[in-house]
Amino acid sequence: MANKIIKGKQFTVLWHVDDIKISHVDTEIVTQVIDLMKEAYGKEAPLTISRVKVHKYLGMNIDYRQ
């Protein structure tokens, strides 16, 4: 896990092998990071991107509906 303050808010990256979860309150920041990751890693195989309120990640259910 890694955190960075971007525009005064916490940006978080979680990773495990080839699974990555990123989050920030500003969706534009998330989009920018996804675009950078596509440029760097999307050449080998397309990235699978999920932007939903309920995630299943590494055996956990993560619910952002509230």
C-alpha atoms as a PDB file:
ATOM      1  CA  MET A   1       0.000   0.000   0.000  1.00  0.00           C
ATOM      2  CA  ALA A   2       1.142   3.539  -0.702  1.00  0.00           C
ATOM      3  CA  ASN A   3      -0.418   6.918   0.007  1.00  0.00           C
ATOM      4  CA  LYS A   4       0.253  10.356  -1.411  1.00  0.00           C
ATOM      5  CA  ILE A   5      -1.447  13.681  -0.848  1.00  0.00           C
ATOM      6  CA  ILE A   6      -2.748  15.047  -4.159  1.00  0.00           C
ATOM      7  CA  LYS A   7      -4.659  18.336  -4.208  1.00  0.00           C
ATOM      8  CA  GLY A   8      -4.852  18.218  -0.418  1.00  0.00           C
ATOM      9  CA  LYS A   9      -6.528  14.780  -0.280  1.00  0.00           C
ATOM     10  CA  GLN A  10      -5.170  11.277   0.216  1.00  0.00           C
ATOM     11  CA  PHE A  11      -4.565   9.151  -2.870  1.00  0.00           C
ATOM     12  CA  THR A  12      -4.187   5.438  -2.077  1.00  0.00           C
ATOM     13  CA  VAL A  13      -2.743   2.597  -4.133  1.00  0.00           C
ATOM     14  CA  LEU A  14      -3.154  -1.020  -3.003  1.00  0.00           C
ATOM     15  CA  TRP A  15      -1.567  -3.828  -4.966  1.00  0.00           C
ATOM     16  CA  HIS A  16      -1.170  -7.575  -4.808  1.00  0.00           C
ATOM     17  CA  VAL A  17       0.595  -9.372  -7.664  1.00  0.00           C
ATOM     18  CA  ASP A  18      -1.366  -8.083 -10.689  1.00  0.00           C
ATOM     19  CA  ASP A  19      -4.374  -6.602  -8.849  1.00  0.00           C
ATOM     20  CA  ILE A  20      -4.342  -2.871  -8.134  1.00  0.00           C
ATOM     21  CA  LYS A  21      -6.899  -0.707  -6.339  1.00  0.00           C
ATOM     22  CA  ILE A  22      -6.585   3.066  -6.453  1.00  0.00           C
ATOM     23  CA  SER A  23      -8.764   5.649  -4.766  1.00  0.00           C
ATOM     24  CA  HIS A  24      -9.086   9.420  -4.389  1.00  0.00           C
ATOM     25  CA  VAL A  25     -12.083  11.667  -3.729  1.00  0.00           C
ATOM     26  CA  ASP A  26     -11.520  13.422  -7.084  1.00  0.00           C
ATOM     27  CA  THR A  27     -12.472  11.032  -9.896  1.00  0.00           C
ATOM     28  CA  GLU A  28     -10.413  13.077 -12.360  1.00  0.00           C
ATOM     29  CA  ILE A  29      -7.249  12.206 -10.405  1.00  0.00           C
ATOM     30  CA  VAL A  30      -8.193   8.519 -10.607  1.00  0.00           C
ATOM     31  CA  THR A  31      -8.762   8.856 -14.369  1.00  0.00           C
ATOM     32  CA  GLN A  32      -5.365  10.506 -14.839  1.00  0.00           C
ATOM     33  CA  VAL A  33      -3.595   7.711 -12.959  1.00  0.00           C
ATOM     34  CA  ILE A  34      -5.493   5.043 -14.926  1.00  0.00           C
ATOM     35  CA  ASP A  35      -4.412   6.732 -18.164  1.00  0.00           C
ATOM     36  CA  LEU A  36      -0.772   6.722 -17.008  1.00  0.00           C
ATOM     37  CA  MET A  37      -1.035   3.043 -16.104  1.00  0.00           C
ATOM     38  CA  LYS A  38      -2.575   2.238 -19.507  1.00  0.00           C
ATOM     39  CA  GLU A  39       0.378   3.940 -21.212  1.00  0.00           C
ATOM     40  CA  ALA A  40       2.925   2.075 -19.109  1.00  0.00           C
ATOM     41  CA  TYR A  41       1.321  -1.374 -18.843  1.00  0.00           C
ATOM     42  CA  GLY A  42      -1.550  -1.556 -21.316  1.00  0.00           C
ATOM     43  CA  LYS A  43       0.715  -2.385 -24.244  1.00  0.00           C
ATOM     44  CA  GLU A  44       1.242  -5.974 -23.086  1.00  0.00           C
ATOM     45  CA  ALA A  45      -2.460  -6.628 -22.470  1.00  0.00           C
ATOM     46  CA  PRO A  46      -5.452  -4.348 -21.952  1.00  0.00           C
ATOM     47  CA  LEU A  47      -6.127  -3.342 -18.368  1.00  0.00           C
ATOM     48  CA  THR A  48      -9.392  -4.425 -16.771  1.00  0.00           C
ATOM     49  CA  ILE A  49     -10.940  -1.388 -15.099  1.00  0.00           C
ATOM     50  CA  SER A  50     -13.897  -1.454 -12.730  1.00  0.00           C
ATOM     51  CA  ARG A  51     -15.454   1.739 -11.368  1.00  0.00           C
ATOM     52  CA  VAL A  52     -18.329   0.560  -9.219  1.00  0.00           C
ATOM     53  CA  LYS A  53     -19.429   1.287  -5.659  1.00  0.00           C
ATOM     54  CA  VAL A  54     -19.059  -2.320  -4.409  1.00  0.00           C
ATOM     55  CA  HIS A  55     -15.791  -4.165  -5.126  1.00  0.00           C
ATOM     56  CA  LYS A  56     -14.622  -7.679  -4.420  1.00  0.00           C
ATOM     57  CA  TYR A  57     -10.869  -7.387  -3.940  1.00  0.00           C
ATOM     58  CA  LEU A  58      -8.624 -10.155  -2.632  1.00  0.00           C
ATOM     59  CA  GLY A  59     -11.469 -11.872  -0.785  1.00  0.00           C
ATOM     60  CA  MET A  60     -12.813  -8.628   0.704  1.00  0.00           C
ATOM     61  CA  ASN A  61     -16.065  -6.867  -0.068  1.00  0.00           C
ATOM     62  CA  ILE A  62     -15.421  -3.114  -0.221  1.00  0.00           C
ATOM     63  CA  ASP A  63     -18.594  -0.996  -0.183  1.00  0.00           C
ATOM     64  CA  TYR A  64     -18.428   2.710  -1.083  1.00  0.00           C
ATOM     65  CA  ARG A  65     -22.184   3.294  -1.272  1.00  0.00           C
ATOM     66  CA  GLN A  66     -22.173   5.274   1.967  1.00  0.00           C
END
